[in-house]
Amino acid sequence: MSKEDNSISFGVGLLLGVVGGVIAAVLYAPKSGEETRKDVENVITDIAQKYTPEIKEAKKQALTSIDVIRYRLEQQYNKISDSIKAKQLAKAKEKETTDFEVN
């Protein structure tokens, strides 16, 4: 993982920690249910508006990472599949040669 990836991961973790702390504080405050729901809605709306670019960038990087991992897995799968097919073909040719020599 690069230094930039670590920084983004730390930033996202920090953001989620702050959001969780704020929500917990609001929920444990001695207010009526309606006031609490309104407060939670306001906090979530504010955070969503404030951190939308960072969230979009983190999502973009996560999707890019998933695509890279998918590509690498497909490459490894194809190598293994080709190797298995080559071994099966070699066995078939060997058996064909053996059967031909016996008869």
PDB file of N, CA and C in Angstrom:
ATOM      1  N   MET A   1       0.846  -1.177   0.000  1.00  0.00           N
ATOM      2  CA  MET A   1       0.000   0.000   0.000  1.00  0.00           C
ATOM      3  C   MET A   1       0.887   1.234   0.000  1.00  0.00           C
ATOM      4  N   SER A   2       0.552   2.221  -0.790  1.00  0.00           N
ATOM      5  CA  SER A   2       1.363   3.431  -0.857  1.00  0.00           C
ATOM      6  C   SER A   2       1.031   4.369   0.290  1.00  0.00           C
ATOM      7  N   LYS A   3       1.896   5.362   0.438  1.00  0.00           N
ATOM      8  CA  LYS A   3       1.703   6.342   1.503  1.00  0.00           C
ATOM      9  C   LYS A   3       0.387   7.093   1.300  1.00  0.00           C
ATOM     10  N   GLU A   4       0.058   7.363   0.030  1.00  0.00           N
ATOM     11  CA  GLU A   4      -1.191   8.075  -0.281  1.00  0.00           C
ATOM     12  C   GLU A   4      -2.403   7.239   0.106  1.00  0.00           C
ATOM     13  N   ASP A   5      -2.340   5.935  -0.162  1.00  0.00           N
ATOM     14  CA  ASP A   5      -3.443   5.037   0.211  1.00  0.00           C
ATOM     15  C   ASP A   5      -3.618   5.008   1.721  1.00  0.00           C
ATOM     16  N   ASN A   6      -2.491   4.976   2.443  1.00  0.00           N
ATOM     17  CA  ASN A   6      -2.565   4.978   3.911  1.00  0.00           C
ATOM     18  C   ASN A   6      -3.186   6.270   4.414  1.00  0.00           C
ATOM     19  N   SER A   7      -2.835   7.392   3.790  1.00  0.00           N
ATOM     20  CA  SER A   7      -3.379   8.687   4.206  1.00  0.00           C
ATOM     21  C   SER A   7      -4.881   8.732   3.979  1.00  0.00           C
ATOM     22  N   ILE A   8      -5.323   8.214   2.852  1.00  0.00           N
ATOM     23  CA  ILE A   8      -6.755   8.207   2.542  1.00  0.00           C
ATOM     24  C   ILE A   8      -7.489   7.285   3.506  1.00  0.00           C
ATOM     25  N   SER A   9      -6.907   6.123   3.768  1.00  0.00           N
ATOM     26  CA  SER A   9      -7.535   5.190   4.710  1.00  0.00           C
ATOM     27  C   SER A   9      -7.642   5.818   6.090  1.00  0.00           C
ATOM     28  N   PHE A  10      -6.578   6.491   6.518  1.00  0.00           N
ATOM     29  CA  PHE A  10      -6.605   7.156   7.813  1.00  0.00           C
ATOM     30  C   PHE A  10      -7.683   8.233   7.833  1.00  0.00           C
ATOM     31  N   GLY A  11      -7.767   9.019   6.759  1.00  0.00           N
ATOM     32  CA  GLY A  11      -8.762  10.089   6.679  1.00  0.00           C
ATOM     33  C   GLY A  11     -10.181   9.555   6.742  1.00  0.00           C
ATOM     34  N   VAL A  12     -10.435   8.467   6.022  1.00  0.00           N
ATOM     35  CA  VAL A  12     -11.770   7.864   6.029  1.00  0.00           C
ATOM     36  C   VAL A  12     -12.080   7.312   7.415  1.00  0.00           C
ATOM     37  N   GLY A  13     -11.097   6.660   8.040  1.00  0.00           N
ATOM     38  CA  GLY A  13     -11.301   6.132   9.386  1.00  0.00           C
ATOM     39  C   GLY A  13     -11.572   7.235  10.393  1.00  0.00           C
ATOM     40  N   LEU A  14     -10.822   8.311  10.271  1.00  0.00           N
ATOM     41  CA  LEU A  14     -11.021   9.453  11.157  1.00  0.00           C
ATOM     42  C   LEU A  14     -12.417  10.040  10.965  1.00  0.00           C
ATOM     43  N   LEU A  15     -12.816  10.186   9.718  1.00  0.00           N
ATOM     44  CA  LEU A  15     -14.145  10.719   9.409  1.00  0.00           C
ATOM     45  C   LEU A  15     -15.240   9.839  10.016  1.00  0.00           C
ATOM     46  N   LEU A  16     -15.114   8.538   9.843  1.00  0.00           N
ATOM     47  CA  LEU A  16     -16.117   7.628  10.393  1.00  0.00           C
ATOM     48  C   LEU A  16     -16.130   7.675  11.919  1.00  0.00           C
ATOM     49  N   GLY A  17     -14.960   7.822  12.527  1.00  0.00           N
ATOM     50  CA  GLY A  17     -14.902   7.940  13.983  1.00  0.00           C
ATOM     51  C   GLY A  17     -15.586   9.191  14.491  1.00  0.00           C
ATOM     52  N   VAL A  18     -15.363  10.298  13.791  1.00  0.00           N
ATOM     53  CA  VAL A  18     -16.002  11.556  14.179  1.00  0.00           C
ATOM     54  C   VAL A  18     -17.514  11.442  14.028  1.00  0.00           C
ATOM     55  N   VAL A  19     -17.948  10.884  12.911  1.00  0.00           N
ATOM     56  CA  VAL A  19     -19.386  10.723  12.673  1.00  0.00           C
ATOM     57  C   VAL A  19     -20.004   9.853  13.769  1.00  0.00           C
ATOM     58  N   GLY A  20     -19.348   8.741  14.080  1.00  0.00           N
ATOM     59  CA  GLY A  20     -19.870   7.857  15.125  1.00  0.00           C
ATOM     60  C   GLY A  20     -19.937   8.549  16.474  1.00  0.00           C
ATOM     61  N   GLY A  21     -18.905   9.328  16.801  1.00  0.00           N
ATOM     62  CA  GLY A  21     -18.894  10.051  18.070  1.00  0.00           C
ATOM     63  C   GLY A  21     -19.989  11.089  18.155  1.00  0.00           C
ATOM     64  N   VAL A  22     -20.185  11.808  17.079  1.00  0.00           N
ATOM     65  CA  VAL A  22     -21.222  12.844  17.059  1.00  0.00           C
ATOM     66  C   VAL A  22     -22.602  12.210  17.196  1.00  0.00           C
ATOM     67  N   ILE A  23     -22.831  11.140  16.471  1.00  0.00           N
ATOM     68  CA  ILE A  23     -24.136  10.473  16.535  1.00  0.00           C
ATOM     69  C   ILE A  23     -24.376   9.915  17.939  1.00  0.00           C
ATOM     70  N   ALA A  24     -23.349   9.309  18.532  1.00  0.00           N
ATOM     71  CA  ALA A  24     -23.509   8.780  19.898  1.00  0.00           C
ATOM     72  C   ALA A  24     -23.813   9.909  20.881  1.00  0.00           C
ATOM     73  N   ALA A  25     -23.116  11.030  20.744  1.00  0.00           N
ATOM     74  CA  ALA A  25     -23.358  12.161  21.639  1.00  0.00           C
ATOM     75  C   ALA A  25     -24.779  12.687  21.486  1.00  0.00           C
ATOM     76  N   VAL A  26     -25.248  12.772  20.267  1.00  0.00           N
ATOM     77  CA  VAL A  26     -26.602  13.280  20.018  1.00  0.00           C
ATOM     78  C   VAL A  26     -27.645  12.309  20.572  1.00  0.00           C
ATOM     79  N   LEU A  27     -27.406  11.022  20.384  1.00  0.00           N
ATOM     80  CA  LEU A  27     -28.381  10.036  20.838  1.00  0.00           C
ATOM     81  C   LEU A  27     -28.462   9.948  22.361  1.00  0.00           C
ATOM     82  N   TYR A  28     -27.357  10.202  23.039  1.00  0.00           N
ATOM     83  CA  TYR A  28     -27.365  10.122  24.502  1.00  0.00           C
ATOM     84  C   TYR A  28     -27.722  11.447  25.176  1.00  0.00           C
ATOM     85  N   ALA A  29     -27.917  12.492  24.403  1.00  0.00           N
ATOM     86  CA  ALA A  29     -28.301  13.779  24.970  1.00  0.00           C
ATOM     87  C   ALA A  29     -29.747  13.701  25.462  1.00  0.00           C
ATOM     88  N   PRO A  30     -30.047  14.353  26.582  1.00  0.00           N
ATOM     89  CA  PRO A  30     -31.416  14.282  27.130  1.00  0.00           C
ATOM     90  C   PRO A  30     -32.373  15.214  26.384  1.00  0.00           C
ATOM     91  N   LYS A  31     -32.842  14.754  25.238  1.00  0.00           N
ATOM     92  CA  LYS A  31     -33.792  15.531  24.430  1.00  0.00           C
ATOM     93  C   LYS A  31     -34.946  14.619  24.052  1.00  0.00           C
ATOM     94  N   SER A  32     -35.991  15.230  23.530  1.00  0.00           N
ATOM     95  CA  SER A  32     -37.122  14.430  23.058  1.00  0.00           C
ATOM     96  C   SER A  32     -36.724  13.704  21.776  1.00  0.00           C
ATOM     97  N   GLY A  33     -37.479  12.691  21.430  1.00  0.00           N
ATOM     98  CA  GLY A  33     -37.193  11.907  20.234  1.00  0.00           C
ATOM     99  C   GLY A  33     -37.189  12.741  18.972  1.00  0.00           C
ATOM    100  N   GLU A  34     -38.148  13.653  18.875  1.00  0.00           N
ATOM    101  CA  GLU A  34     -38.236  14.491  17.682  1.00  0.00           C
ATOM    102  C   GLU A  34     -37.016  15.405  17.559  1.00  0.00           C
ATOM    103  N   GLU A  35     -36.599  15.997  18.664  1.00  0.00           N
ATOM    104  CA  GLU A  35     -35.424  16.870  18.639  1.00  0.00           C
ATOM    105  C   GLU A  35     -34.166  16.075  18.286  1.00  0.00           C
ATOM    106  N   THR A  36     -34.061  14.891  18.851  1.00  0.00           N
ATOM    107  CA  THR A  36     -32.891  14.046  18.587  1.00  0.00           C
ATOM    108  C   THR A  36     -32.838  13.654  17.117  1.00  0.00           C
ATOM    109  N   ARG A  37     -33.970  13.250  16.562  1.00  0.00           N
ATOM    110  CA  ARG A  37     -34.004  12.879  15.138  1.00  0.00           C
ATOM    111  C   ARG A  37     -33.622  14.062  14.267  1.00  0.00           C
ATOM    112  N   LYS A  38     -34.093  15.237  14.590  1.00  0.00           N
ATOM    113  CA  LYS A  38     -33.771  16.442  13.829  1.00  0.00           C
ATOM    114  C   LYS A  38     -32.273  16.743  13.929  1.00  0.00           C
ATOM    115  N   ASP A  39     -31.723  16.612  15.145  1.00  0.00           N
ATOM    116  CA  ASP A  39     -30.293  16.848  15.330  1.00  0.00           C
ATOM    117  C   ASP A  39     -29.452  15.863  14.518  1.00  0.00           C
ATOM    118  N   VAL A  40     -29.818  14.596  14.562  1.00  0.00           N
ATOM    119  CA  VAL A  40     -29.096  13.571  13.799  1.00  0.00           C
ATOM    120  C   VAL A  40     -29.182  13.871  12.312  1.00  0.00           C
ATOM    121  N   GLU A  41     -30.366  14.228  11.845  1.00  0.00           N
ATOM    122  CA  GLU A  41     -30.544  14.565  10.434  1.00  0.00           C
ATOM    123  C   GLU A  41     -29.654  15.742  10.042  1.00  0.00           C
ATOM    124  N   ASN A  42     -29.597  16.763  10.882  1.00  0.00           N
ATOM    125  CA  ASN A  42     -28.769  17.938  10.591  1.00  0.00           C
ATOM    126  C   ASN A  42     -27.287  17.584  10.556  1.00  0.00           C
ATOM    127  N   VAL A  43     -26.855  16.785  11.511  1.00  0.00           N
ATOM    128  CA  VAL A  43     -25.441  16.395  11.557  1.00  0.00           C
ATOM    129  C   VAL A  43     -25.077  15.581  10.324  1.00  0.00           C
ATOM    130  N   ILE A  44     -25.891  14.622   9.979  1.00  0.00           N
ATOM    131  CA  ILE A  44     -25.603  13.775   8.818  1.00  0.00           C
ATOM    132  C   ILE A  44     -25.607  14.605   7.536  1.00  0.00           C
ATOM    133  N   THR A  45     -26.554  15.505   7.408  1.00  0.00           N
ATOM    134  CA  THR A  45     -26.607  16.366   6.225  1.00  0.00           C
ATOM    135  C   THR A  45     -25.367  17.246   6.139  1.00  0.00           C
ATOM    136  N   ASP A  46     -24.969  17.838   7.257  1.00  0.00           N
ATOM    137  CA  ASP A  46     -23.776  18.686   7.274  1.00  0.00           C
ATOM    138  C   ASP A  46     -22.524  17.905   6.893  1.00  0.00           C
ATOM    139  N   ILE A  47     -22.375  16.720   7.477  1.00  0.00           N
ATOM    140  CA  ILE A  47     -21.194  15.900   7.188  1.00  0.00           C
ATOM    141  C   ILE A  47     -21.193  15.464   5.731  1.00  0.00           C
ATOM    142  N   ALA A  48     -22.343  15.055   5.227  1.00  0.00           N
ATOM    143  CA  ALA A  48     -22.432  14.620   3.837  1.00  0.00           C
ATOM    144  C   ALA A  48     -22.061  15.744   2.888  1.00  0.00           C
ATOM    145  N   GLN A  49     -22.511  16.948   3.169  1.00  0.00           N
ATOM    146  CA  GLN A  49     -22.193  18.081   2.306  1.00  0.00           C
ATOM    147  C   GLN A  49     -20.720  18.466   2.416  1.00  0.00           C
ATOM    148  N   LYS A  50     -20.194  18.421   3.618  1.00  0.00           N
ATOM    149  CA  LYS A  50     -18.824  18.860   3.863  1.00  0.00           C
ATOM    150  C   LYS A  50     -17.790  17.891   3.281  1.00  0.00           C
ATOM    151  N   TYR A  51     -18.046  16.586   3.382  1.00  0.00           N
ATOM    152  CA  TYR A  51     -17.052  15.590   2.994  1.00  0.00           C
ATOM    153  C   TYR A  51     -17.391  14.837   1.707  1.00  0.00           C
ATOM    154  N   THR A  52     -18.324  15.332   0.931  1.00  0.00           N
ATOM    155  CA  THR A  52     -18.698  14.653  -0.309  1.00  0.00           C
ATOM    156  C   THR A  52     -17.518  14.445  -1.256  1.00  0.00           C
ATOM    157  N   PRO A  53     -16.669  15.436  -1.496  1.00  0.00           N
ATOM    158  CA  PRO A  53     -15.535  15.194  -2.402  1.00  0.00           C
ATOM    159  C   PRO A  53     -14.598  14.086  -1.902  1.00  0.00           C
ATOM    160  N   GLU A  54     -14.317  14.064  -0.603  1.00  0.00           N
ATOM    161  CA  GLU A  54     -13.437  13.044  -0.057  1.00  0.00           C
ATOM    162  C   GLU A  54     -14.064  11.654  -0.159  1.00  0.00           C
ATOM    163  N   ILE A  55     -15.357  11.594   0.096  1.00  0.00           N
ATOM    164  CA  ILE A  55     -16.058  10.319   0.007  1.00  0.00           C
ATOM    165  C   ILE A  55     -16.060   9.818  -1.435  1.00  0.00           C
ATOM    166  N   LYS A  56     -16.313  10.720  -2.382  1.00  0.00           N
ATOM    167  CA  LYS A  56     -16.306  10.320  -3.794  1.00  0.00           C
ATOM    168  C   LYS A  56     -14.918   9.844  -4.221  1.00  0.00           C
ATOM    169  N   GLU A  57     -13.866  10.527  -3.768  1.00  0.00           N
ATOM    170  CA  GLU A  57     -12.502  10.141  -4.118  1.00  0.00           C
ATOM    171  C   GLU A  57     -12.150   8.786  -3.514  1.00  0.00           C
ATOM    172  N   ALA A  58     -12.535   8.580  -2.263  1.00  0.00           N
ATOM    173  CA  ALA A  58     -12.278   7.282  -1.619  1.00  0.00           C
ATOM    174  C   ALA A  58     -13.016   6.166  -2.354  1.00  0.00           C
ATOM    175  N   LYS A  59     -14.248   6.432  -2.765  1.00  0.00           N
ATOM    176  CA  LYS A  59     -15.028   5.437  -3.511  1.00  0.00           C
ATOM    177  C   LYS A  59     -14.358   5.139  -4.850  1.00  0.00           C
ATOM    178  N   LYS A  60     -13.904   6.187  -5.524  1.00  0.00           N
ATOM    179  CA  LYS A  60     -13.241   6.023  -6.819  1.00  0.00           C
ATOM    180  C   LYS A  60     -11.978   5.170  -6.667  1.00  0.00           C
ATOM    181  N   GLN A  61     -11.185   5.459  -5.644  1.00  0.00           N
ATOM    182  CA  GLN A  61      -9.964   4.700  -5.428  1.00  0.00           C
ATOM    183  C   GLN A  61     -10.260   3.257  -5.039  1.00  0.00           C
ATOM    184  N   ALA A  62     -11.295   3.055  -4.251  1.00  0.00           N
ATOM    185  CA  ALA A  62     -11.672   1.692  -3.877  1.00  0.00           C
ATOM    186  C   ALA A  62     -12.097   0.896  -5.110  1.00  0.00           C
ATOM    187  N   LEU A  63     -12.885   1.506  -5.975  1.00  0.00           N
ATOM    188  CA  LEU A  63     -13.325   0.817  -7.194  1.00  0.00           C
ATOM    189  C   LEU A  63     -12.153   0.526  -8.120  1.00  0.00           C
ATOM    190  N   THR A  64     -11.201   1.457  -8.206  1.00  0.00           N
ATOM    191  CA  THR A  64     -10.013   1.238  -9.021  1.00  0.00           C
ATOM    192  C   THR A  64      -9.204   0.072  -8.468  1.00  0.00           C
ATOM    193  N   SER A  65      -9.044   0.035  -7.153  1.00  0.00           N
ATOM    194  CA  SER A  65      -8.311  -1.064  -6.520  1.00  0.00           C
ATOM    195  C   SER A  65      -9.001  -2.398  -6.780  1.00  0.00           C
ATOM    196  N   ILE A  66     -10.313  -2.409  -6.710  1.00  0.00           N
ATOM    197  CA  ILE A  66     -11.069  -3.638  -6.974  1.00  0.00           C
ATOM    198  C   ILE A  66     -10.854  -4.088  -8.414  1.00  0.00           C
ATOM    199  N   ASP A  67     -10.852  -3.143  -9.355  1.00  0.00           N
ATOM    200  CA  ASP A  67     -10.620  -3.496 -10.759  1.00  0.00           C
ATOM    201  C   ASP A  67      -9.232  -4.086 -10.962  1.00  0.00           C
ATOM    202  N   VAL A  68      -8.222  -3.506 -10.310  1.00  0.00           N
ATOM    203  CA  VAL A  68      -6.854  -4.014 -10.430  1.00  0.00           C
ATOM    204  C   VAL A  68      -6.765  -5.424  -9.849  1.00  0.00           C
ATOM    205  N   ILE A  69      -7.362  -5.625  -8.691  1.00  0.00           N
ATOM    206  CA  ILE A  69      -7.336  -6.949  -8.063  1.00  0.00           C
ATOM    207  C   ILE A  69      -8.067  -7.964  -8.937  1.00  0.00           C
ATOM    208  N   ARG A  70      -9.208  -7.570  -9.485  1.00  0.00           N
ATOM    209  CA  ARG A  70      -9.971  -8.463 -10.366  1.00  0.00           C
ATOM    210  C   ARG A  70      -9.134  -8.859 -11.585  1.00  0.00           C
ATOM    211  N   TYR A  71      -8.434  -7.883 -12.183  1.00  0.00           N
ATOM    212  CA  TYR A  71      -7.596  -8.152 -13.351  1.00  0.00           C
ATOM    213  C   TYR A  71      -6.484  -9.140 -12.991  1.00  0.00           C
ATOM    214  N   ARG A  72      -5.831  -8.904 -11.857  1.00  0.00           N
ATOM    215  CA  ARG A  72      -4.744  -9.795 -11.442  1.00  0.00           C
ATOM    216  C   ARG A  72      -5.246 -11.208 -11.158  1.00  0.00           C
ATOM    217  N   LEU A  73      -6.407 -11.306 -10.520  1.00  0.00           N
ATOM    218  CA  LEU A  73      -6.979 -12.624 -10.256  1.00  0.00           C
ATOM    219  C   LEU A  73      -7.340 -13.345 -11.550  1.00  0.00           C
ATOM    220  N   GLU A  74      -7.882 -12.616 -12.501  1.00  0.00           N
ATOM    221  CA  GLU A  74      -8.220 -13.226 -13.793  1.00  0.00           C
ATOM    222  C   GLU A  74      -6.962 -13.715 -14.497  1.00  0.00           C
ATOM    223  N   GLN A  75      -5.870 -12.935 -14.410  1.00  0.00           N
ATOM    224  CA  GLN A  75      -4.613 -13.345 -15.034  1.00  0.00           C
ATOM    225  C   GLN A  75      -4.101 -14.636 -14.394  1.00  0.00           C
ATOM    226  N   GLN A  76      -4.127 -14.697 -13.063  1.00  0.00           N
ATOM    227  CA  GLN A  76      -3.669 -15.900 -12.365  1.00  0.00           C
ATOM    228  C   GLN A  76      -4.565 -17.097 -12.696  1.00  0.00           C
ATOM    229  N   TYR A  77      -5.864 -16.859 -12.747  1.00  0.00           N
ATOM    230  CA  TYR A  77      -6.792 -17.931 -13.092  1.00  0.00           C
ATOM    231  C   TYR A  77      -6.493 -18.468 -14.483  1.00  0.00           C
ATOM    232  N   ASN A  78      -6.266 -17.561 -15.431  1.00  0.00           N
ATOM    233  CA  ASN A  78      -5.967 -17.986 -16.801  1.00  0.00           C
ATOM    234  C   ASN A  78      -4.662 -18.776 -16.878  1.00  0.00           C
ATOM    235  N   LYS A  79      -3.648 -18.362 -16.110  1.00  0.00           N
ATOM    236  CA  LYS A  79      -2.385 -19.100 -16.099  1.00  0.00           C
ATOM    237  C   LYS A  79      -2.590 -20.506 -15.560  1.00  0.00           C
ATOM    238  N   ILE A  80      -3.323 -20.612 -14.466  1.00  0.00           N
ATOM    239  CA  ILE A  80      -3.575 -21.925 -13.866  1.00  0.00           C
ATOM    240  C   ILE A  80      -4.395 -22.788 -14.811  1.00  0.00           C
ATOM    241  N   SER A  81      -5.414 -22.196 -15.411  1.00  0.00           N
ATOM    242  CA  SER A  81      -6.267 -22.927 -16.341  1.00  0.00           C
ATOM    243  C   SER A  81      -5.465 -23.426 -17.541  1.00  0.00           C
ATOM    244  N   ASP A  82      -4.614 -22.567 -18.086  1.00  0.00           N
ATOM    245  CA  ASP A  82      -3.775 -22.969 -19.223  1.00  0.00           C
ATOM    246  C   ASP A  82      -2.816 -24.084 -18.833  1.00  0.00           C
ATOM    247  N   SER A  83      -2.275 -24.002 -17.631  1.00  0.00           N
ATOM    248  CA  SER A  83      -1.356 -25.035 -17.148  1.00  0.00           C
ATOM    249  C   SER A  83      -2.071 -26.371 -17.015  1.00  0.00           C
ATOM    250  N   ILE A  84      -3.266 -26.348 -16.468  1.00  0.00           N
ATOM    251  CA  ILE A  84      -4.045 -27.583 -16.316  1.00  0.00           C
ATOM    252  C   ILE A  84      -4.375 -28.176 -17.682  1.00  0.00           C
ATOM    253  N   LYS A  85      -4.794 -27.322 -18.607  1.00  0.00           N
ATOM    254  CA  LYS A  85      -5.111 -27.807 -19.957  1.00  0.00           C
ATOM    255  C   LYS A  85      -3.889 -28.404 -20.637  1.00  0.00           C
ATOM    256  N   ALA A  86      -2.720 -27.774 -20.454  1.00  0.00           N
ATOM    257  CA  ALA A  86      -1.492 -28.291 -21.060  1.00  0.00           C
ATOM    258  C   ALA A  86      -1.137 -29.660 -20.479  1.00  0.00           C
ATOM    259  N   LYS A  87      -1.294 -29.815 -19.166  1.00  0.00           N
ATOM    260  CA  LYS A  87      -1.002 -31.105 -18.536  1.00  0.00           C
ATOM    261  C   LYS A  87      -1.973 -32.176 -19.021  1.00  0.00           C
ATOM    262  N   GLN A  88      -3.247 -31.823 -19.156  1.00  0.00           N
ATOM    263  CA  GLN A  88      -4.238 -32.782 -19.632  1.00  0.00           C
ATOM    264  C   GLN A  88      -3.932 -33.194 -21.072  1.00  0.00           C
ATOM    265  N   LEU A  89      -3.533 -32.229 -21.886  1.00  0.00           N
ATOM    266  CA  LEU A  89      -3.196 -32.531 -23.279  1.00  0.00           C
ATOM    267  C   LEU A  89      -1.959 -33.416 -23.347  1.00  0.00           C
ATOM    268  N   ALA A  90      -0.971 -33.138 -22.514  1.00  0.00           N
ATOM    269  CA  ALA A  90       0.242 -33.956 -22.496  1.00  0.00           C
ATOM    270  C   ALA A  90      -0.087 -35.384 -22.077  1.00  0.00           C
ATOM    271  N   LYS A  91      -0.955 -35.539 -21.070  1.00  0.00           N
ATOM    272  CA  LYS A  91      -1.359 -36.876 -20.628  1.00  0.00           C
ATOM    273  C   LYS A  91      -2.098 -37.608 -21.742  1.00  0.00           C
ATOM    274  N   ALA A  92      -2.977 -36.891 -22.426  1.00  0.00           N
ATOM    275  CA  ALA A  92      -3.736 -37.514 -23.517  1.00  0.00           C
ATOM    276  C   ALA A  92      -2.805 -37.956 -24.638  1.00  0.00           C
ATOM    277  N   LYS A  93      -1.843 -37.120 -24.977  1.00  0.00           N
ATOM    278  CA  LYS A  93      -0.891 -37.490 -26.040  1.00  0.00           C
ATOM    279  C   LYS A  93      -0.037 -38.673 -25.607  1.00  0.00           C
ATOM    280  N   GLU A  94       0.374 -38.679 -24.339  1.00  0.00           N
ATOM    281  CA  GLU A  94       1.179 -39.783 -23.835  1.00  0.00           C
ATOM    282  C   GLU A  94       0.388 -41.081 -23.876  1.00  0.00           C
ATOM    283  N   LYS A  95      -0.868 -41.005 -23.475  1.00  0.00           N
ATOM    284  CA  LYS A  95      -1.722 -42.203 -23.486  1.00  0.00           C
ATOM    285  C   LYS A  95      -1.943 -42.673 -24.921  1.00  0.00           C
ATOM    286  N   GLU A  96      -2.157 -41.710 -25.815  1.00  0.00           N
ATOM    287  CA  GLU A  96      -2.362 -42.064 -27.222  1.00  0.00           C
ATOM    288  C   GLU A  96      -1.124 -42.752 -27.784  1.00  0.00           C
ATOM    289  N   THR A  97       0.035 -42.236 -27.457  1.00  0.00           N
ATOM    290  CA  THR A  97       1.280 -42.827 -27.930  1.00  0.00           C
ATOM    291  C   THR A  97       1.470 -44.202 -27.321  1.00  0.00           C
ATOM    292  N   THR A  98       1.206 -44.341 -26.035  1.00  0.00           N
ATOM    293  CA  THR A  98       1.329 -45.622 -25.348  1.00  0.00           C
ATOM    294  C   THR A  98       0.360 -46.625 -25.918  1.00  0.00           C
ATOM    295  N   ASP A  99      -0.872 -46.242 -26.118  1.00  0.00           N
ATOM    296  CA  ASP A  99      -1.888 -47.143 -26.685  1.00  0.00           C
ATOM    297  C   ASP A  99      -1.519 -47.548 -28.101  1.00  0.00           C
ATOM    298  N   PHE A 100      -0.956 -46.651 -28.878  1.00  0.00           N
ATOM    299  CA  PHE A 100      -0.592 -46.941 -30.261  1.00  0.00           C
ATOM    300  C   PHE A 100       0.577 -47.934 -30.296  1.00  0.00           C
ATOM    301  N   GLU A 101       1.538 -47.761 -29.387  1.00  0.00           N
ATOM    302  CA  GLU A 101       2.715 -48.645 -29.337  1.00  0.00           C
ATOM    303  C   GLU A 101       2.329 -50.057 -28.882  1.00  0.00           C
ATOM    304  N   VAL A 102       1.354 -50.161 -27.983  1.00  0.00           N
ATOM    305  CA  VAL A 102       0.941 -51.466 -27.464  1.00  0.00           C
ATOM    306  C   VAL A 102       0.229 -52.262 -28.540  1.00  0.00           C
ATOM    307  N   ASN A 103      -0.589 -51.629 -29.338  1.00  0.00           N
ATOM    308  CA  ASN A 103      -1.357 -52.336 -30.351  1.00  0.00           C
ATOM    309  C   ASN A 103      -0.485 -52.627 -31.495  1.00  0.00           C
TER     310      ASN A 103
END
